Amino acid sequence: MQRQGFLTYGLIGLVAGLVNGLLGIGGGTILIPAMVYLLGVQQHHAHATSLLIVLPTSIVSVLVYQAKGNLPLRSLLGLAVATSIGAIIGAILMNYCRPSLLRKGFAVFMLVAGLRMLF
């Protein structure tokens, strides 16, 4: 990877990590559009990369929140298991979706989430 490409990926990753850590809304909200529109990554590859990045960033976030006493781990175990199952199913289904459908679905989800946060 060229130096400029490495710096661009690093900057996008840093912003996504900050958004994830500060706002708790997930780095995918930054990663997917940035990879598709700024880096020219295919839609499916961007979604898959975002899913892969969730694991290490989630582990780091959990450790930080737990150290501060802000995370009741025992009560969240069932949620974590169910979310993992849903992620597996979603990742499998994603492979059957056209890129345009993924873009539109992601846009609708972000719009609804943004409106919900405003109101």
N, C-alpha and C. Protein backbone atom coordinates (compact mmCIF):
# COMPACT_ATOMS: atom_id res chain seq x y z
N MET A 1 0.86 -1.18 0.00
CA MET A 1 0.00 0.00 0.00
C MET A 1 0.90 1.24 0.00
N GLN A 2 0.55 2.22 -0.79
CA GLN A 2 1.33 3.44 -0.84
C GLN A 2 1.17 4.22 0.46
N ARG A 3 2.14 5.09 0.72
CA ARG A 3 2.13 5.87 1.97
C ARG A 3 0.86 6.70 2.09
N GLN A 4 0.44 7.36 1.00
CA GLN A 4 -0.77 8.18 1.04
C GLN A 4 -1.99 7.32 1.34
N GLY A 5 -2.09 6.14 0.71
CA GLY A 5 -3.20 5.23 0.96
C GLY A 5 -3.22 4.77 2.40
N PHE A 6 -2.03 4.46 2.93
CA PHE A 6 -1.93 4.02 4.32
C PHE A 6 -2.40 5.12 5.27
N LEU A 7 -1.99 6.35 5.00
CA LEU A 7 -2.40 7.48 5.84
C LEU A 7 -3.90 7.72 5.75
N THR A 8 -4.46 7.60 4.54
CA THR A 8 -5.90 7.79 4.36
C THR A 8 -6.68 6.74 5.13
N TYR A 9 -6.28 5.48 4.98
CA TYR A 9 -6.95 4.40 5.72
C TYR A 9 -6.81 4.63 7.22
N GLY A 10 -5.61 5.03 7.64
CA GLY A 10 -5.38 5.28 9.07
C GLY A 10 -6.24 6.41 9.60
N LEU A 11 -6.36 7.48 8.84
CA LEU A 11 -7.18 8.62 9.27
C LEU A 11 -8.65 8.23 9.36
N ILE A 12 -9.13 7.49 8.36
CA ILE A 12 -10.52 7.03 8.39
C ILE A 12 -10.74 6.11 9.60
N GLY A 13 -9.80 5.21 9.85
CA GLY A 13 -9.90 4.32 11.00
C GLY A 13 -9.90 5.07 12.32
N LEU A 14 -9.06 6.10 12.42
CA LEU A 14 -9.00 6.91 13.63
C LEU A 14 -10.32 7.62 13.88
N VAL A 15 -10.88 8.23 12.85
CA VAL A 15 -12.17 8.92 12.99
C VAL A 15 -13.26 7.93 13.37
N ALA A 16 -13.28 6.77 12.73
CA ALA A 16 -14.28 5.75 13.04
C ALA A 16 -14.15 5.28 14.48
N GLY A 17 -12.93 5.08 14.94
CA GLY A 17 -12.70 4.68 16.32
C GLY A 17 -13.15 5.74 17.31
N LEU A 18 -12.88 7.00 17.00
CA LEU A 18 -13.32 8.09 17.88
C LEU A 18 -14.85 8.16 17.94
N VAL A 19 -15.49 8.03 16.80
CA VAL A 19 -16.96 8.05 16.77
C VAL A 19 -17.51 6.89 17.59
N ASN A 20 -16.91 5.73 17.43
CA ASN A 20 -17.33 4.55 18.18
C ASN A 20 -17.15 4.76 19.67
N GLY A 21 -15.98 5.24 20.07
CA GLY A 21 -15.70 5.42 21.49
C GLY A 21 -16.47 6.55 22.14
N LEU A 22 -16.58 7.67 21.45
CA LEU A 22 -17.24 8.84 22.02
C LEU A 22 -18.76 8.77 21.98
N LEU A 23 -19.28 8.36 20.84
CA LEU A 23 -20.73 8.40 20.65
C LEU A 23 -21.39 7.04 20.79
N GLY A 24 -20.60 5.98 20.72
CA GLY A 24 -21.15 4.63 20.86
C GLY A 24 -22.08 4.23 19.73
N ILE A 25 -21.95 4.86 18.57
CA ILE A 25 -22.86 4.54 17.47
C ILE A 25 -22.24 3.59 16.46
N GLY A 26 -21.01 3.19 16.69
CA GLY A 26 -20.38 2.23 15.79
C GLY A 26 -19.59 2.89 14.70
N GLY A 27 -18.41 2.38 14.48
CA GLY A 27 -17.53 2.93 13.47
C GLY A 27 -18.02 2.72 12.06
N GLY A 28 -18.93 1.76 11.85
CA GLY A 28 -19.44 1.48 10.52
C GLY A 28 -20.14 2.68 9.90
N THR A 29 -20.67 3.56 10.74
CA THR A 29 -21.32 4.76 10.21
C THR A 29 -20.34 5.66 9.49
N ILE A 30 -19.07 5.56 9.85
CA ILE A 30 -18.01 6.31 9.19
C ILE A 30 -17.31 5.43 8.16
N LEU A 31 -17.00 4.20 8.56
CA LEU A 31 -16.20 3.31 7.71
C LEU A 31 -16.84 3.00 6.36
N ILE A 32 -18.10 2.62 6.37
CA ILE A 32 -18.72 2.17 5.12
C ILE A 32 -18.79 3.29 4.08
N PRO A 33 -19.36 4.44 4.41
CA PRO A 33 -19.37 5.50 3.38
C PRO A 33 -17.96 5.96 2.98
N ALA A 34 -17.05 6.03 3.94
CA ALA A 34 -15.68 6.48 3.62
C ALA A 34 -14.99 5.50 2.69
N MET A 35 -15.13 4.21 2.97
CA MET A 35 -14.48 3.21 2.11
C MET A 35 -15.08 3.21 0.71
N VAL A 36 -16.39 3.35 0.62
CA VAL A 36 -17.05 3.31 -0.69
C VAL A 36 -16.78 4.58 -1.48
N TYR A 37 -16.98 5.74 -0.88
CA TYR A 37 -16.93 7.00 -1.63
C TYR A 37 -15.56 7.65 -1.67
N LEU A 38 -14.75 7.44 -0.65
CA LEU A 38 -13.42 8.06 -0.64
C LEU A 38 -12.33 7.12 -1.15
N LEU A 39 -12.49 5.82 -0.88
CA LEU A 39 -11.45 4.87 -1.24
C LEU A 39 -11.82 4.00 -2.44
N GLY A 40 -13.07 4.06 -2.88
CA GLY A 40 -13.50 3.28 -4.04
C GLY A 40 -13.62 1.78 -3.77
N VAL A 41 -13.82 1.40 -2.51
CA VAL A 41 -13.98 -0.01 -2.15
C VAL A 41 -15.38 -0.46 -2.55
N GLN A 42 -15.51 -1.68 -3.04
CA GLN A 42 -16.82 -2.21 -3.40
C GLN A 42 -17.72 -2.28 -2.16
N GLN A 43 -19.02 -2.09 -2.38
CA GLN A 43 -19.99 -2.04 -1.29
C GLN A 43 -19.91 -3.27 -0.38
N HIS A 44 -19.90 -4.46 -0.95
CA HIS A 44 -19.85 -5.67 -0.15
C HIS A 44 -18.55 -5.76 0.67
N HIS A 45 -17.45 -5.35 0.06
CA HIS A 45 -16.17 -5.38 0.77
C HIS A 45 -16.17 -4.38 1.92
N ALA A 46 -16.78 -3.22 1.71
CA ALA A 46 -16.85 -2.22 2.77
C ALA A 46 -17.66 -2.73 3.96
N HIS A 47 -18.80 -3.35 3.69
CA HIS A 47 -19.63 -3.89 4.77
C HIS A 47 -18.89 -5.01 5.51
N ALA A 48 -18.25 -5.90 4.75
CA ALA A 48 -17.53 -7.00 5.37
C ALA A 48 -16.36 -6.49 6.21
N THR A 49 -15.65 -5.51 5.71
CA THR A 49 -14.53 -4.93 6.47
C THR A 49 -15.04 -4.28 7.74
N SER A 50 -16.14 -3.57 7.65
CA SER A 50 -16.72 -2.94 8.83
C SER A 50 -17.09 -3.98 9.88
N LEU A 51 -17.67 -5.09 9.43
CA LEU A 51 -18.03 -6.16 10.37
C LEU A 51 -16.79 -6.75 11.03
N LEU A 52 -15.72 -6.91 10.28
CA LEU A 52 -14.49 -7.46 10.84
C LEU A 52 -13.89 -6.52 11.88
N ILE A 53 -13.98 -5.24 11.63
CA ILE A 53 -13.39 -4.25 12.53
C ILE A 53 -14.17 -4.12 13.84
N VAL A 54 -15.42 -4.53 13.83
CA VAL A 54 -16.26 -4.41 15.03
C VAL A 54 -15.65 -5.18 16.21
N LEU A 55 -15.11 -6.35 15.96
CA LEU A 55 -14.61 -7.18 17.06
C LEU A 55 -13.50 -6.50 17.87
N PRO A 56 -12.38 -6.10 17.26
CA PRO A 56 -11.34 -5.49 18.09
C PRO A 56 -11.77 -4.16 18.72
N THR A 57 -12.52 -3.35 17.98
CA THR A 57 -12.94 -2.07 18.57
C THR A 57 -13.94 -2.29 19.71
N SER A 58 -14.77 -3.29 19.58
CA SER A 58 -15.72 -3.60 20.65
C SER A 58 -15.00 -4.09 21.90
N ILE A 59 -14.01 -4.93 21.71
CA ILE A 59 -13.26 -5.44 22.86
C ILE A 59 -12.58 -4.29 23.60
N VAL A 60 -11.94 -3.40 22.86
CA VAL A 60 -11.29 -2.25 23.49
C VAL A 60 -12.31 -1.39 24.23
N SER A 61 -13.44 -1.10 23.59
CA SER A 61 -14.47 -0.28 24.22
C SER A 61 -15.02 -0.94 25.48
N VAL A 62 -15.27 -2.24 25.42
CA VAL A 62 -15.78 -2.96 26.59
C VAL A 62 -14.79 -2.86 27.75
N LEU A 63 -13.52 -3.05 27.48
CA LEU A 63 -12.51 -2.98 28.53
C LEU A 63 -12.47 -1.60 29.18
N VAL A 64 -12.54 -0.56 28.36
CA VAL A 64 -12.51 0.81 28.89
C VAL A 64 -13.77 1.10 29.70
N TYR A 65 -14.94 0.77 29.17
CA TYR A 65 -16.18 1.02 29.90
C TYR A 65 -16.25 0.20 31.18
N GLN A 66 -15.81 -1.04 31.13
CA GLN A 66 -15.83 -1.89 32.32
C GLN A 66 -14.88 -1.35 33.39
N ALA A 67 -13.72 -0.87 32.99
CA ALA A 67 -12.75 -0.32 33.94
C ALA A 67 -13.34 0.88 34.69
N LYS A 68 -14.21 1.60 34.04
CA LYS A 68 -14.85 2.76 34.66
C LYS A 68 -16.14 2.40 35.39
N GLY A 69 -16.51 1.13 35.36
CA GLY A 69 -17.72 0.68 36.05
C GLY A 69 -19.00 1.02 35.32
N ASN A 70 -18.92 1.24 34.01
CA ASN A 70 -20.09 1.64 33.23
C ASN A 70 -20.72 0.51 32.43
N LEU A 71 -20.36 -0.73 32.71
CA LEU A 71 -20.85 -1.83 31.90
C LEU A 71 -21.20 -3.04 32.76
N PRO A 72 -22.48 -3.32 32.93
CA PRO A 72 -22.89 -4.50 33.70
C PRO A 72 -22.78 -5.76 32.83
N LEU A 73 -21.61 -6.39 32.84
CA LEU A 73 -21.34 -7.51 31.93
C LEU A 73 -22.31 -8.67 32.07
N ARG A 74 -22.66 -9.05 33.27
CA ARG A 74 -23.54 -10.21 33.47
C ARG A 74 -24.90 -10.03 32.80
N SER A 75 -25.47 -8.86 32.92
CA SER A 75 -26.80 -8.65 32.34
C SER A 75 -26.77 -8.54 30.82
N LEU A 76 -25.60 -8.33 30.26
CA LEU A 76 -25.50 -8.15 28.81
C LEU A 76 -25.08 -9.41 28.07
N LEU A 77 -24.84 -10.49 28.77
CA LEU A 77 -24.37 -11.71 28.13
C LEU A 77 -25.38 -12.24 27.11
N GLY A 78 -26.66 -12.31 27.48
CA GLY A 78 -27.69 -12.79 26.55
C GLY A 78 -27.80 -11.91 25.33
N LEU A 79 -27.69 -10.62 25.52
CA LEU A 79 -27.72 -9.69 24.40
C LEU A 79 -26.54 -9.92 23.46
N ALA A 80 -25.37 -10.16 24.02
CA ALA A 80 -24.17 -10.41 23.21
C ALA A 80 -24.32 -11.68 22.37
N VAL A 81 -24.86 -12.72 22.98
CA VAL A 81 -25.04 -13.98 22.25
C VAL A 81 -26.05 -13.79 21.11
N ALA A 82 -27.18 -13.17 21.41
CA ALA A 82 -28.21 -12.96 20.39
C ALA A 82 -27.70 -12.05 19.27
N THR A 83 -26.93 -11.04 19.62
CA THR A 83 -26.37 -10.14 18.62
C THR A 83 -25.39 -10.88 17.73
N SER A 84 -24.61 -11.75 18.30
CA SER A 84 -23.66 -12.54 17.51
C SER A 84 -24.38 -13.43 16.52
N ILE A 85 -25.45 -14.06 16.95
CA ILE A 85 -26.24 -14.90 16.05
C ILE A 85 -26.84 -14.05 14.93
N GLY A 86 -27.37 -12.90 15.27
CA GLY A 86 -27.92 -11.99 14.27
C GLY A 86 -26.86 -11.52 13.29
N ALA A 87 -25.64 -11.28 13.77
CA ALA A 87 -24.56 -10.84 12.89
C ALA A 87 -24.19 -11.92 11.89
N ILE A 88 -24.19 -13.16 12.34
CA ILE A 88 -23.89 -14.27 11.43
C ILE A 88 -24.95 -14.36 10.34
N ILE A 89 -26.20 -14.31 10.75
CA ILE A 89 -27.31 -14.40 9.78
C ILE A 89 -27.26 -13.20 8.82
N GLY A 90 -27.04 -12.01 9.36
CA GLY A 90 -26.96 -10.82 8.52
C GLY A 90 -25.81 -10.86 7.53
N ALA A 91 -24.66 -11.37 7.97
CA ALA A 91 -23.50 -11.46 7.07
C ALA A 91 -23.76 -12.44 5.94
N ILE A 92 -24.44 -13.52 6.26
CA ILE A 92 -24.79 -14.50 5.21
C ILE A 92 -25.78 -13.87 4.22
N LEU A 93 -26.80 -13.22 4.74
CA LEU A 93 -27.82 -12.60 3.87
C LEU A 93 -27.23 -11.48 3.01
N MET A 94 -26.24 -10.76 3.56
CA MET A 94 -25.64 -9.66 2.82
C MET A 94 -25.08 -10.12 1.49
N ASN A 95 -24.58 -11.33 1.45
CA ASN A 95 -23.98 -11.86 0.22
C ASN A 95 -25.00 -12.04 -0.90
N TYR A 96 -26.27 -12.01 -0.58
CA TYR A 96 -27.33 -12.18 -1.59
C TYR A 96 -27.95 -10.84 -2.00
N CYS A 97 -27.46 -9.75 -1.46
CA CYS A 97 -28.02 -8.43 -1.76
C CYS A 97 -27.18 -7.72 -2.82
N ARG A 98 -27.86 -6.99 -3.68
CA ARG A 98 -27.17 -6.15 -4.65
C ARG A 98 -26.54 -4.96 -3.91
N PRO A 99 -25.41 -4.45 -4.41
CA PRO A 99 -24.78 -3.30 -3.77
C PRO A 99 -25.72 -2.10 -3.62
N SER A 100 -26.57 -1.87 -4.62
CA SER A 100 -27.50 -0.73 -4.54
C SER A 100 -28.49 -0.92 -3.38
N LEU A 101 -28.92 -2.15 -3.14
CA LEU A 101 -29.82 -2.42 -2.03
C LEU A 101 -29.11 -2.21 -0.69
N LEU A 102 -27.85 -2.61 -0.60
CA LEU A 102 -27.08 -2.38 0.62
C LEU A 102 -26.94 -0.88 0.90
N ARG A 103 -26.62 -0.11 -0.14
CA ARG A 103 -26.48 1.34 0.04
C ARG A 103 -27.78 1.97 0.50
N LYS A 104 -28.88 1.60 -0.14
CA LYS A 104 -30.18 2.17 0.22
C LYS A 104 -30.61 1.74 1.62
N GLY A 105 -30.41 0.47 1.94
CA GLY A 105 -30.76 -0.01 3.27
C GLY A 105 -29.94 0.68 4.35
N PHE A 106 -28.65 0.85 4.10
CA PHE A 106 -27.78 1.55 5.06
C PHE A 106 -28.22 3.00 5.22
N ALA A 107 -28.56 3.65 4.11
CA ALA A 107 -29.01 5.05 4.16
C ALA A 107 -30.31 5.20 4.95
N VAL A 108 -31.25 4.31 4.71
CA VAL A 108 -32.52 4.36 5.44
C VAL A 108 -32.28 4.13 6.93
N PHE A 109 -31.45 3.15 7.25
CA PHE A 109 -31.14 2.89 8.66
C PHE A 109 -30.52 4.11 9.32
N MET A 110 -29.55 4.75 8.66
CA MET A 110 -28.90 5.93 9.23
C MET A 110 -29.89 7.08 9.37
N LEU A 111 -30.76 7.26 8.41
CA LEU A 111 -31.77 8.32 8.48
C LEU A 111 -32.70 8.10 9.67
N VAL A 112 -33.21 6.90 9.79
CA VAL A 112 -34.12 6.58 10.91
C VAL A 112 -33.40 6.74 12.25
N ALA A 113 -32.18 6.25 12.33
CA ALA A 113 -31.42 6.37 13.58
C ALA A 113 -31.17 7.84 13.91
N GLY A 114 -30.81 8.64 12.90
CA GLY A 114 -30.58 10.06 13.13
C GLY A 114 -31.83 10.80 13.57
N LEU A 115 -32.95 10.52 12.93
CA LEU A 115 -34.21 11.16 13.32
C LEU A 115 -34.63 10.75 14.71
N ARG A 116 -34.43 9.50 15.03
CA ARG A 116 -34.78 9.01 16.37
C ARG A 116 -33.95 9.72 17.45
N MET A 117 -32.69 9.93 17.15
CA MET A 117 -31.83 10.62 18.11
C MET A 117 -32.24 12.08 18.28
N LEU A 118 -32.69 12.70 17.19
CA LEU A 118 -33.10 14.10 17.27
C LEU A 118 -34.39 14.26 18.09
N PHE A 119 -35.31 13.32 17.92
CA PHE A 119 -36.60 13.44 18.58
C PHE A 119 -36.72 12.44 19.68
